[in-house]
Amino acid sequence: MTDDGRLAAELLALAAENAELRLQLAEAQEQCVEMAVDAGELHAEVEALRARLAELERERDEWRRAARRAVA
């Protein structure tokens, strides 16, 4: 194979590898977007659960105060 032929083969191999790497990058970026969406949804769910917990703790404390007053 001549130097030109070898160079052309190497360039073709590099172009193919570059194309494959670009596909992998696009897939990784898509996965990152999906994970970000999932993380946002989970964050919202955690916040809702924290708010519900705070509400239930307030209700519990009210029941305890009422029970103490009833016993006293």
Protein backbone atom coordinates (compact mmCIF):
# COMPACT_ATOMS: atom_id res chain seq x y z
CA MET A 1 0.00 0.00 0.00
CA THR A 2 1.34 3.42 -0.85
CA ASP A 3 1.71 6.21 1.64
CA ASP A 4 -1.34 7.91 0.14
CA GLY A 5 -3.35 4.70 0.45
CA ARG A 6 -2.27 4.22 4.04
CA LEU A 7 -3.13 7.82 4.86
CA ALA A 8 -6.54 7.47 3.24
CA ALA A 9 -7.20 4.26 5.22
CA GLU A 10 -6.18 5.93 8.48
CA LEU A 11 -8.37 8.95 7.76
CA LEU A 12 -11.30 6.68 6.98
CA ALA A 13 -10.74 4.76 10.22
CA LEU A 14 -10.57 8.02 12.18
CA ALA A 15 -13.74 9.28 10.53
CA ALA A 16 -15.56 6.05 11.41
CA GLU A 17 -14.33 6.21 15.01
CA ASN A 18 -15.34 9.88 15.22
CA ALA A 19 -18.83 9.04 13.98
CA GLU A 20 -19.16 6.25 16.55
CA LEU A 21 -17.98 8.53 19.34
CA ARG A 22 -20.47 11.20 18.28
CA LEU A 23 -23.28 8.63 18.48
CA GLN A 24 -22.14 7.58 21.94
CA LEU A 25 -22.01 11.23 23.02
CA ALA A 26 -25.52 11.86 21.72
CA GLU A 27 -26.81 8.82 23.64
CA ALA A 28 -25.04 9.95 26.82
CA GLN A 29 -26.51 13.44 26.46
CA GLU A 30 -29.99 11.99 26.01
CA GLN A 31 -29.53 9.88 29.14
CA CYS A 32 -28.40 12.98 31.06
CA VAL A 33 -31.55 14.83 30.05
CA GLU A 34 -33.71 11.88 31.11
CA MET A 35 -31.91 11.67 34.45
CA ALA A 36 -32.38 15.40 34.99
CA VAL A 37 -36.12 15.06 34.36
CA ASP A 38 -36.31 12.10 36.75
CA ALA A 39 -34.33 14.01 39.37
CA GLY A 40 -36.72 16.95 39.08
CA GLU A 41 -39.72 14.69 39.55
CA LEU A 42 -38.11 12.99 42.55
CA HIS A 43 -37.24 16.36 44.08
CA ALA A 44 -40.85 17.47 43.77
CA GLU A 45 -42.03 14.22 45.36
CA VAL A 46 -39.58 14.60 48.26
CA GLU A 47 -40.76 18.17 48.84
CA ALA A 48 -44.39 17.02 48.87
CA LEU A 49 -43.55 14.26 51.35
CA ARG A 50 -41.71 16.72 53.60
CA ALA A 51 -44.70 19.04 53.59
CA ARG A 52 -47.04 16.14 54.44
CA LEU A 53 -44.73 15.01 57.24
CA ALA A 54 -44.68 18.50 58.71
CA GLU A 55 -48.49 18.60 58.56
CA LEU A 56 -48.80 15.23 60.30
CA GLU A 57 -46.30 16.26 62.97
CA ARG A 58 -48.37 19.38 63.68
CA GLU A 59 -51.52 17.25 63.95
CA ARG A 60 -49.75 14.81 66.27
CA ASP A 61 -48.58 17.64 68.49
CA GLU A 62 -52.13 19.04 68.65
CA TRP A 63 -53.48 15.62 69.67
CA ARG A 64 -50.80 15.31 72.36
CA ARG A 65 -51.67 18.73 73.77
CA ALA A 66 -55.36 17.85 73.74
CA ALA A 67 -54.64 14.53 75.48
CA ARG A 68 -52.54 16.26 78.16
CA ARG A 69 -55.31 18.78 78.77
CA ALA A 70 -57.89 15.99 79.04
CA VAL A 71 -55.77 14.13 81.60
CA ALA A 72 -54.92 17.22 83.64
